[in-house]
C-alpha atoms as a PDB file:
ATOM      1  CA  MET A   1       0.122   0.281  -0.185  1.00  0.00           C
ATOM      2  CA  HIS A   2       1.602   3.508  -1.497  1.00  0.00           C
ATOM      3  CA  ASP A   3       1.268   6.155   0.475  1.00  0.00           C
ATOM      4  CA  TYR A   4      -1.328   8.519  -1.537  1.00  0.00           C
ATOM      5  CA  GLU A   5       0.330  11.697  -0.808  1.00  0.00           C
ATOM      6  CA  ALA A   6       3.066  11.116  -1.249  1.00  0.00           C
ATOM      7  CA  LEU A   7       2.624   9.884  -4.956  1.00  0.00           C
ATOM      8  CA  ILE A   8       0.870  13.018  -5.472  1.00  0.00           C
ATOM      9  CA  GLU A   9       3.261  15.625  -4.486  1.00  0.00           C
ATOM     10  CA  ALA A  10       5.898  13.561  -6.265  1.00  0.00           C
ATOM     11  CA  LEU A  11       3.475  13.754  -8.721  1.00  0.00           C
ATOM     12  CA  LEU A  12       2.189  16.708  -9.310  1.00  0.00           C
ATOM     13  CA  PRO A  13       5.732  18.804  -9.999  1.00  0.00           C
ATOM     14  CA  VAL A  14       5.710  15.205 -13.143  1.00  0.00           C
ATOM     15  CA  VAL A  15       2.657  16.492 -15.248  1.00  0.00           C
ATOM     16  CA  ALA A  16       2.918  20.068 -14.642  1.00  0.00           C
ATOM     17  CA  ARG A  17       6.044  19.050 -16.713  1.00  0.00           C
ATOM     18  CA  ALA A  18       4.219  17.183 -19.266  1.00  0.00           C
ATOM     19  CA  GLY A  19       1.768  20.460 -19.481  1.00  0.00           C
ATOM     20  CA  GLN A  20       4.899  22.423 -20.000  1.00  0.00           C
ATOM     21  CA  ALA A  21       5.977  20.070 -22.717  1.00  0.00           C
ATOM     22  CA  ILE A  22       2.179  19.708 -24.338  1.00  0.00           C
ATOM     23  CA  MET A  23       2.814  24.185 -24.455  1.00  0.00           C
ATOM     24  CA  ALA A  24       5.420  24.743 -26.948  1.00  0.00           C
ATOM     25  CA  ILE A  25       4.151  22.629 -28.927  1.00  0.00           C
ATOM     26  CA  TYR A  26       1.052  23.922 -29.285  1.00  0.00           C
ATOM     27  CA  ASP A  27       2.322  27.677 -29.292  1.00  0.00           C
ATOM     28  CA  GLY A  28       4.198  26.652 -31.785  1.00  0.00           C
ATOM     29  CA  ASP A  29       3.654  24.900 -35.268  1.00  0.00           C
ATOM     30  CA  PHE A  30       2.692  21.110 -34.930  1.00  0.00           C
ATOM     31  CA  ALA A  31       1.350  17.928 -37.291  1.00  0.00           C
ATOM     32  CA  VAL A  32      -0.916  15.789 -36.800  1.00  0.00           C
ATOM     33  CA  GLN A  33      -1.040  11.849 -37.481  1.00  0.00           C
ATOM     34  CA  GLN A  34      -4.673   9.660 -37.522  1.00  0.00           C
ATOM     35  CA  LYS A  35      -4.002   7.109 -35.048  1.00  0.00           C
ATOM     36  CA  ASP A  36      -5.314   3.097 -36.310  1.00  0.00           C
ATOM     37  CA  ASP A  37      -9.327   4.507 -34.768  1.00  0.00           C
ATOM     38  CA  ASN A  38      -8.833   7.472 -36.312  1.00  0.00           C
ATOM     39  CA  SER A  39      -8.533   9.570 -33.701  1.00  0.00           C
ATOM     40  CA  PRO A  40      -5.754  12.359 -33.834  1.00  0.00           C
ATOM     41  CA  LEU A  41      -2.548  11.879 -32.163  1.00  0.00           C
ATOM     42  CA  THR A  42       0.119  15.071 -31.864  1.00  0.00           C
ATOM     43  CA  LEU A  43       4.320  15.003 -31.204  1.00  0.00           C
ATOM     44  CA  ALA A  44       2.648  16.404 -27.565  1.00  0.00           C
ATOM     45  CA  ASP A  45       1.023  12.972 -27.062  1.00  0.00           C
ATOM     46  CA  LEU A  46       3.884  11.466 -27.549  1.00  0.00           C
ATOM     47  CA  GLU A  47       6.488  13.785 -25.018  1.00  0.00           C
ATOM     48  CA  SER A  48       4.283  14.744 -22.646  1.00  0.00           C
ATOM     49  CA  GLN A  49       3.843  10.164 -21.661  1.00  0.00           C
ATOM     50  CA  ARG A  50       7.827  10.037 -22.444  1.00  0.00           C
ATOM     51  CA  ILE A  51       8.182  12.361 -19.100  1.00  0.00           C
ATOM     52  CA  ILE A  52       5.345  10.619 -17.166  1.00  0.00           C
ATOM     53  CA  LEU A  53       6.663   6.812 -17.961  1.00  0.00           C
ATOM     54  CA  GLN A  54      10.308   7.997 -17.346  1.00  0.00           C
ATOM     55  CA  ALA A  55       9.182   9.456 -14.261  1.00  0.00           C
ATOM     56  CA  LEU A  56       6.566   6.006 -12.978  1.00  0.00           C
ATOM     57  CA  SER A  57       9.277   3.929 -13.734  1.00  0.00           C
ATOM     58  CA  GLN A  58      11.449   5.496 -10.667  1.00  0.00           C
ATOM     59  CA  LEU A  59       8.657   6.520  -8.518  1.00  0.00           C
ATOM     60  CA  THR A  60       6.940   2.822  -8.482  1.00  0.00           C
ATOM     61  CA  PRO A  61       8.867   0.079 -10.510  1.00  0.00           C
ATOM     62  CA  GLU A  62       6.839  -1.852  -9.027  1.00  0.00           C
ATOM     63  CA  ILE A  63       3.659  -1.090 -10.771  1.00  0.00           C
ATOM     64  CA  PRO A  64       3.015  -1.714 -14.335  1.00  0.00           C
ATOM     65  CA  VAL A  65       1.838   1.461 -16.384  1.00  0.00           C
ATOM     66  CA  LEU A  66      -1.194   1.547 -18.977  1.00  0.00           C
ATOM     67  CA  SER A  67      -1.314   3.979 -21.391  1.00  0.00           C
ATOM     68  CA  GLU A  68      -3.246   4.819 -24.796  1.00  0.00           C
ATOM     69  CA  GLU A  69      -0.265   5.605 -26.668  1.00  0.00           C
ATOM     70  CA  SER A  70       2.092   2.863 -25.797  1.00  0.00           C
ATOM     71  CA  ALA A  71       1.268  -0.586 -26.330  1.00  0.00           C
ATOM     72  CA  GLN A  72      -0.975  -2.648 -24.430  1.00  0.00           C
ATOM     73  CA  ALA A  73       0.195  -5.821 -22.171  1.00  0.00           C
ATOM     74  CA  PRO A  74      -1.726  -8.740 -22.942  1.00  0.00           C
ATOM     75  CA  TRP A  75      -5.282  -9.579 -21.321  1.00  0.00           C
ATOM     76  CA  SER A  76      -2.747 -12.820 -19.801  1.00  0.00           C
ATOM     77  CA  GLN A  77      -1.003 -10.306 -18.910  1.00  0.00           C
ATOM     78  CA  ARG A  78      -3.233  -7.773 -16.758  1.00  0.00           C
ATOM     79  CA  GLN A  79      -6.105 -10.030 -14.924  1.00  0.00           C
ATOM     80  CA  GLY A  80      -2.492 -11.017 -13.023  1.00  0.00           C
ATOM     81  CA  TRP A  81      -2.465  -7.235 -11.902  1.00  0.00           C
ATOM     82  CA  ALA A  82      -3.939  -6.053  -8.099  1.00  0.00           C
ATOM     83  CA  GLN A  83      -2.992  -2.639  -9.281  1.00  0.00           C
ATOM     84  CA  LEU A  84      -1.431  -0.286 -12.192  1.00  0.00           C
ATOM     85  CA  TRP A  85      -1.672   3.445 -13.677  1.00  0.00           C
ATOM     86  CA  VAL A  86      -3.938   3.995 -16.623  1.00  0.00           C
ATOM     87  CA  VAL A  87      -2.239   7.116 -17.981  1.00  0.00           C
ATOM     88  CA  ASP A  88      -3.776   9.666 -20.481  1.00  0.00           C
ATOM     89  CA  PRO A  89      -0.286  11.802 -21.584  1.00  0.00           C
ATOM     90  CA  LEU A  90      -3.058  13.828 -23.391  1.00  0.00           C
ATOM     91  CA  ASP A  91      -6.901  13.854 -23.544  1.00  0.00           C
ATOM     92  CA  GLY A  92      -8.665  15.682 -25.914  1.00  0.00           C
ATOM     93  CA  THR A  93      -6.250  15.961 -28.328  1.00  0.00           C
ATOM     94  CA  ARG A  94      -9.030  16.919 -30.890  1.00  0.00           C
ATOM     95  CA  GLU A  95      -8.971  20.205 -28.140  1.00  0.00           C
ATOM     96  CA  PHE A  96      -5.387  20.720 -29.026  1.00  0.00           C
ATOM     97  CA  VAL A  97      -5.376  20.786 -33.044  1.00  0.00           C
ATOM     98  CA  LYS A  98      -8.754  22.894 -32.246  1.00  0.00           C
ATOM     99  CA  ARG A  99      -6.593  24.463 -29.874  1.00  0.00           C
ATOM    100  CA  ASN A 100      -8.901  25.574 -27.541  1.00  0.00           C
ATOM    101  CA  GLY A 101      -7.258  24.479 -24.382  1.00  0.00           C
ATOM    102  CA  GLU A 102      -9.497  22.126 -23.425  1.00  0.00           C
ATOM    103  CA  PHE A 103      -7.559  19.552 -22.969  1.00  0.00           C
ATOM    104  CA  THR A 104      -6.066  17.547 -19.263  1.00  0.00           C
ATOM    105  CA  VAL A 105      -3.329  15.497 -18.701  1.00  0.00           C
ATOM    106  CA  ASN A 106      -4.759  11.911 -15.963  1.00  0.00           C
ATOM    107  CA  LEU A 107      -2.649   9.885 -14.448  1.00  0.00           C
ATOM    108  CA  ALA A 108      -4.873   7.185 -11.654  1.00  0.00           C
ATOM    109  CA  LEU A 109      -3.637   4.734  -9.771  1.00  0.00           C
ATOM    110  CA  ILE A 110      -6.606   1.645  -9.733  1.00  0.00           C
ATOM    111  CA  LEU A 111      -5.719  -0.297  -6.957  1.00  0.00           C
ATOM    112  CA  ASP A 112      -8.442  -3.807  -7.108  1.00  0.00           C
ATOM    113  CA  HIS A 113     -10.022  -2.641 -10.608  1.00  0.00           C
ATOM    114  CA  GLU A 114     -11.066   1.288  -8.281  1.00  0.00           C
ATOM    115  CA  PRO A 115      -9.585   4.189  -8.874  1.00  0.00           C
ATOM    116  CA  VAL A 116      -7.780   5.059  -5.961  1.00  0.00           C
ATOM    117  CA  LEU A 117      -5.813   8.515  -7.079  1.00  0.00           C
ATOM    118  CA  GLY A 118      -6.340  10.277  -9.682  1.00  0.00           C
ATOM    119  CA  ILE A 119      -4.350  13.802 -11.065  1.00  0.00           C
ATOM    120  CA  ILE A 120      -5.655  16.159 -14.020  1.00  0.00           C
ATOM    121  CA  GLY A 121      -3.609  18.408 -14.822  1.00  0.00           C
ATOM    122  CA  VAL A 122      -5.012  21.242 -17.852  1.00  0.00           C
ATOM    123  CA  PRO A 123      -1.953  22.164 -19.442  1.00  0.00           C
ATOM    124  CA  ALA A 124      -3.179  25.559 -21.506  1.00  0.00           C
ATOM    125  CA  GLN A 125      -5.175  27.056 -17.462  1.00  0.00           C
ATOM    126  CA  ARG A 126      -1.723  25.700 -15.477  1.00  0.00           C
ATOM    127  CA  ARG A 127      -3.979  24.207 -13.041  1.00  0.00           C
ATOM    128  CA  SER A 128      -4.386  20.979 -11.661  1.00  0.00           C
ATOM    129  CA  PHE A 129      -7.120  18.504 -10.210  1.00  0.00           C
ATOM    130  CA  TRP A 130      -6.378  15.943  -7.718  1.00  0.00           C
ATOM    131  CA  GLY A 131      -8.433  13.878  -5.106  1.00  0.00           C
ATOM    132  CA  GLY A 132      -8.095  10.337  -3.887  1.00  0.00           C
ATOM    133  CA  VAL A 133      -9.390   8.069  -1.129  1.00  0.00           C
ATOM    134  CA  GLY A 134      -8.634   9.850   2.050  1.00  0.00           C
ATOM    135  CA  LEU A 135      -7.216  13.595   0.616  1.00  0.00           C
ATOM    136  CA  GLY A 136     -10.125  14.263  -0.306  1.00  0.00           C
ATOM    137  CA  ALA A 137      -9.998  16.409  -3.871  1.00  0.00           C
ATOM    138  CA  PHE A 138      -8.214  19.557  -4.138  1.00  0.00           C
ATOM    139  CA  VAL A 139      -7.245  22.005  -7.535  1.00  0.00           C
ATOM    140  CA  GLN A 140      -4.195  23.836  -7.180  1.00  0.00           C
ATOM    141  CA  ARG A 141      -3.264  27.325 -10.106  1.00  0.00           C
ATOM    142  CA  ALA A 142       0.084  27.529 -10.154  1.00  0.00           C
ATOM    143  CA  GLY A 143       1.891  29.432  -7.784  1.00  0.00           C
ATOM    144  CA  VAL A 144      -1.105  29.329  -5.178  1.00  0.00           C
ATOM    145  CA  ALA A 145      -2.194  27.688  -2.141  1.00  0.00           C
ATOM    146  CA  PRO A 146      -4.230  24.120  -3.421  1.00  0.00           C
ATOM    147  CA  GLU A 147      -7.827  25.040  -2.684  1.00  0.00           C
ATOM    148  CA  ARG A 148     -10.000  21.979  -1.830  1.00  0.00           C
ATOM    149  CA  ILE A 149     -13.120  21.757  -3.972  1.00  0.00           C
ATOM    150  CA  GLU A 150     -17.045  19.569  -3.394  1.00  0.00           C
ATOM    151  CA  ILE A 151     -19.650  18.758  -5.000  1.00  0.00           C
ATOM    152  CA  SER A 152     -22.313  20.919  -4.129  1.00  0.00           C
ATOM    153  CA  GLU A 153     -26.719  20.441  -4.330  1.00  0.00           C
ATOM    154  CA  PRO A 154     -27.855  20.279  -7.886  1.00  0.00           C
ATOM    155  CA  GLY A 155     -29.136  23.923  -9.468  1.00  0.00           C
ATOM    156  CA  GLN A 156     -31.545  24.856 -11.172  1.00  0.00           C
ATOM    157  CA  PRO A 157     -32.476  23.727 -14.000  1.00  0.00           C
ATOM    158  CA  VAL A 158     -29.842  20.233 -13.577  1.00  0.00           C
ATOM    159  CA  ARG A 159     -26.181  21.645 -14.678  1.00  0.00           C
ATOM    160  CA  VAL A 160     -24.837  19.227 -17.001  1.00  0.00           C
ATOM    161  CA  ALA A 161     -21.445  18.643 -18.745  1.00  0.00           C
ATOM    162  CA  GLY A 162     -20.961  18.030 -22.464  1.00  0.00           C
ATOM    163  CA  SER A 163     -18.833  16.376 -24.779  1.00  0.00           C
ATOM    164  CA  ARG A 164     -17.253  19.842 -27.185  1.00  0.00           C
ATOM    165  CA  SER A 165     -16.231  16.542 -29.352  1.00  0.00           C
ATOM    166  CA  HIS A 166     -18.953  13.928 -29.160  1.00  0.00           C
ATOM    167  CA  THR A 167     -22.457  13.945 -28.920  1.00  0.00           C
ATOM    168  CA  THR A 168     -24.806  10.993 -29.925  1.00  0.00           C
ATOM    169  CA  PRO A 169     -28.205  10.461 -30.391  1.00  0.00           C
ATOM    170  CA  GLN A 170     -28.458   8.790 -27.358  1.00  0.00           C
ATOM    171  CA  THR A 171     -27.260  11.824 -25.413  1.00  0.00           C
ATOM    172  CA  ALA A 172     -29.746  13.757 -27.274  1.00  0.00           C
ATOM    173  CA  GLN A 173     -32.387  11.635 -25.916  1.00  0.00           C
ATOM    174  CA  TYR A 174     -31.347  10.951 -22.550  1.00  0.00           C
ATOM    175  CA  LEU A 175     -31.185  14.406 -21.843  1.00  0.00           C
ATOM    176  CA  ARG A 176     -35.046  15.362 -23.327  1.00  0.00           C
ATOM    177  CA  ARG A 177     -35.940  12.592 -20.616  1.00  0.00           C
ATOM    178  CA  LEU A 178     -34.192  15.174 -18.193  1.00  0.00           C
ATOM    179  CA  GLY A 179     -35.927  17.745 -18.778  1.00  0.00           C
ATOM    180  CA  THR A 180     -35.399  21.167 -18.429  1.00  0.00           C
ATOM    181  CA  HIS A 181     -32.152  21.984 -18.128  1.00  0.00           C
ATOM    182  CA  GLU A 182     -28.330  23.961 -19.220  1.00  0.00           C
ATOM    183  CA  LEU A 183     -25.799  22.511 -20.433  1.00  0.00           C
ATOM    184  CA  GLN A 184     -21.861  23.199 -20.876  1.00  0.00           C
ATOM    185  CA  SER A 185     -19.987  21.835 -23.364  1.00  0.00           C
ATOM    186  CA  VAL A 186     -16.340  21.186 -22.297  1.00  0.00           C
ATOM    187  CA  GLY A 187     -13.851  18.886 -23.710  1.00  0.00           C
ATOM    188  CA  SER A 188     -11.099  16.057 -21.957  1.00  0.00           C
ATOM    189  CA  ALA A 189     -11.183  15.086 -18.975  1.00  0.00           C
ATOM    190  CA  LEU A 190     -12.605  18.323 -17.139  1.00  0.00           C
ATOM    191  CA  LYS A 191     -16.643  17.220 -17.696  1.00  0.00           C
ATOM    192  CA  PHE A 192     -15.652  14.831 -14.212  1.00  0.00           C
ATOM    193  CA  CYS A 193     -13.665  18.435 -12.694  1.00  0.00           C
ATOM    194  CA  LEU A 194     -16.676  20.963 -13.112  1.00  0.00           C
ATOM    195  CA  ILE A 195     -19.109  18.509 -10.976  1.00  0.00           C
ATOM    196  CA  ALA A 196     -16.178  17.939  -8.441  1.00  0.00           C
ATOM    197  CA  GLN A 197     -15.953  21.765  -8.060  1.00  0.00           C
ATOM    198  CA  GLY A 198     -19.315  22.679  -7.954  1.00  0.00           C
ATOM    199  CA  LYS A 199     -20.172  23.020 -11.540  1.00  0.00           C
ATOM    200  CA  ALA A 200     -22.233  20.838 -13.039  1.00  0.00           C
ATOM    201  CA  ASP A 201     -24.072  18.320 -11.667  1.00  0.00           C
ATOM    202  CA  LEU A 202     -24.420  15.431 -14.040  1.00  0.00           C
ATOM    203  CA  TYR A 203     -21.926  14.167 -17.251  1.00  0.00           C
ATOM    204  CA  PRO A 204     -24.131  11.616 -19.317  1.00  0.00           C
ATOM    205  CA  ARG A 205     -21.749   9.565 -21.710  1.00  0.00           C
ATOM    206  CA  PHE A 206     -23.055   7.123 -24.426  1.00  0.00           C
ATOM    207  CA  GLY A 207     -20.379   5.712 -27.066  1.00  0.00           C
ATOM    208  CA  PRO A 208     -17.317   4.884 -26.533  1.00  0.00           C
ATOM    209  CA  THR A 209     -14.310   6.462 -23.721  1.00  0.00           C
ATOM    210  CA  SER A 210     -11.196   4.112 -22.453  1.00  0.00           C
ATOM    211  CA  GLU A 211     -10.001   3.559 -18.831  1.00  0.00           C
ATOM    212  CA  TRP A 212      -7.792   5.957 -19.488  1.00  0.00           C
ATOM    213  CA  ASP A 213      -9.713   8.572 -20.525  1.00  0.00           C
ATOM    214  CA  THR A 214     -11.928   8.259 -16.509  1.00  0.00           C
ATOM    215  CA  ALA A 215      -9.724   6.965 -14.260  1.00  0.00           C
ATOM    216  CA  ALA A 216      -8.858  10.296 -13.395  1.00  0.00           C
ATOM    217  CA  GLY A 217     -11.822  11.837 -13.330  1.00  0.00           C
ATOM    218  CA  GLN A 218     -13.954   9.289 -11.489  1.00  0.00           C
ATOM    219  CA  ALA A 219     -11.008   9.702  -8.779  1.00  0.00           C
ATOM    220  CA  ILE A 220     -11.200  13.154  -8.337  1.00  0.00           C
ATOM    221  CA  LEU A 221     -15.110  13.389  -8.408  1.00  0.00           C
ATOM    222  CA  GLU A 222     -15.749  10.569  -5.741  1.00  0.00           C
ATOM    223  CA  ALA A 223     -13.270  12.377  -4.049  1.00  0.00           C
ATOM    224  CA  ALA A 224     -15.093  14.951  -4.004  1.00  0.00           C
ATOM    225  CA  GLY A 225     -18.686  13.438  -2.868  1.00  0.00           C
ATOM    226  CA  GLY A 226     -19.887  12.386  -6.426  1.00  0.00           C
ATOM    227  CA  HIS A 227     -20.496   9.106  -9.014  1.00  0.00           C
ATOM    228  CA  VAL A 228     -19.464   7.533 -11.754  1.00  0.00           C
ATOM    229  CA  THR A 229     -22.381   4.440 -12.667  1.00  0.00           C
ATOM    230  CA  ARG A 230     -22.225   2.710 -15.827  1.00  0.00           C
ATOM    231  CA  MET A 231     -26.416   2.748 -16.993  1.00  0.00           C
ATOM    232  CA  ASP A 232     -27.561   0.051 -15.053  1.00  0.00           C
ATOM    233  CA  GLY A 233     -25.874   2.128 -11.093  1.00  0.00           C
ATOM    234  CA  HIS A 234     -22.512  -0.362 -10.656  1.00  0.00           C
ATOM    235  CA  ARG A 235     -20.095   1.878 -10.278  1.00  0.00           C
ATOM    236  CA  LEU A 236     -17.389   1.797 -13.299  1.00  0.00           C
ATOM    237  CA  ARG A 237     -14.768  -0.484 -12.504  1.00  0.00           C
ATOM    238  CA  TYR A 238     -10.999  -0.649 -14.831  1.00  0.00           C
ATOM    239  CA  ASN A 239      -8.830  -3.420 -15.609  1.00  0.00           C
ATOM    240  CA  CYS A 240     -11.969  -6.258 -15.940  1.00  0.00           C
ATOM    241  CA  ARG A 241     -11.990  -7.872 -19.383  1.00  0.00           C
ATOM    242  CA  GLU A 242     -10.015  -8.107 -22.147  1.00  0.00           C
ATOM    243  CA  SER A 243     -11.336  -5.048 -23.568  1.00  0.00           C
ATOM    244  CA  LEU A 244     -10.585  -1.523 -22.562  1.00  0.00           C
ATOM    245  CA  ILE A 245     -13.327   0.358 -23.853  1.00  0.00           C
ATOM    246  CA  ASN A 246     -15.968   1.168 -20.989  1.00  0.00           C
ATOM    247  CA  GLY A 247     -19.745   1.672 -21.286  1.00  0.00           C
ATOM    248  CA  ASP A 248     -22.331   4.329 -21.382  1.00  0.00           C
ATOM    249  CA  PHE A 249     -21.667   6.200 -17.939  1.00  0.00           C
ATOM    250  CA  VAL A 250     -22.792   8.748 -16.318  1.00  0.00           C
ATOM    251  CA  ALA A 251     -20.823  11.339 -13.287  1.00  0.00           C
ATOM    252  CA  PHE A 252     -23.603  13.187 -11.486  1.00  0.00           C
ATOM    253  CA  ASN A 253     -23.633  14.581  -7.854  1.00  0.00           C
ATOM    254  CA  HIS A 254     -26.232  13.681  -6.301  1.00  0.00           C
ATOM    255  CA  ALA A 255     -28.779  10.808  -7.591  1.00  0.00           C
ATOM    256  CA  ARG A 256     -31.800  12.859  -7.236  1.00  0.00           C
ATOM    257  CA  VAL A 257     -30.316  15.035 -11.256  1.00  0.00           C
ATOM    258  CA  LEU A 258     -30.533  11.713 -12.714  1.00  0.00           C
ATOM    259  CA  PRO A 259     -33.804  11.114 -14.855  1.00  0.00           C
ATOM    260  CA  ALA A 260     -36.100   9.027 -13.464  1.00  0.00           C
ATOM    261  CA  ALA A 261     -35.477   4.960 -15.369  1.00  0.00           C
ATOM    262  CA  ASN A 262     -31.533   6.302 -13.555  1.00  0.00           C
ATOM    263  CA  GLN A 263     -32.081   6.324 -10.042  1.00  0.00           C
ATOM    264  CA  PRO A 264     -31.472   3.785  -7.774  1.00  0.00           C
END
């Protein structure tokens, strides 16, 4: 068992360095490649990953790493991992390419299939969010003392955080069932952070996401008092099967903001 507070203290500067490397590329000209799943890849993804993986190999060499931009270990190997790091070195590459600033660096520690620690860096805003089991959740701007964050009471109307780059007919149908609401469109894992800060109530997601898209955000939101569940109400879990694709899920502050059919 690791000291989560010590891990966060050691890793916040690493996430900041990864963010600085990303911004150095963001502020110049960069090429965009297309991966096999047709999602974009830039030098910023790879440079951020290099910094994070190097730091993790020195800090916790005994913990395996699952990262979006590196070859994935086969399930026959992964199923024996009791703990692992889950890394998205640049979440929201589409937002990076659009230069709208809504991209993040995501890092989470998984223990027995559950996220117990998460850090989300927001390079364009020079901010970091973090949280973990027994720690609570925090946000910190560069050069400013950290501030504890927590979920709020539901807004009137319900405040929905929605994806800027991924919309689906299922999402539209869900929002119709929800009734009157206020929609905020934002990229990357920032949607989890909005709920954790008390600035949004609900984030429904239909369609494929990967475990590295959600693990850090879930750890932070849960540390702030919120929830991330599948549509059947079960908590989102990690490294449980061969596929690394999440099913549909919803992140929220209080169960009463969910449409009636989704309330426990």
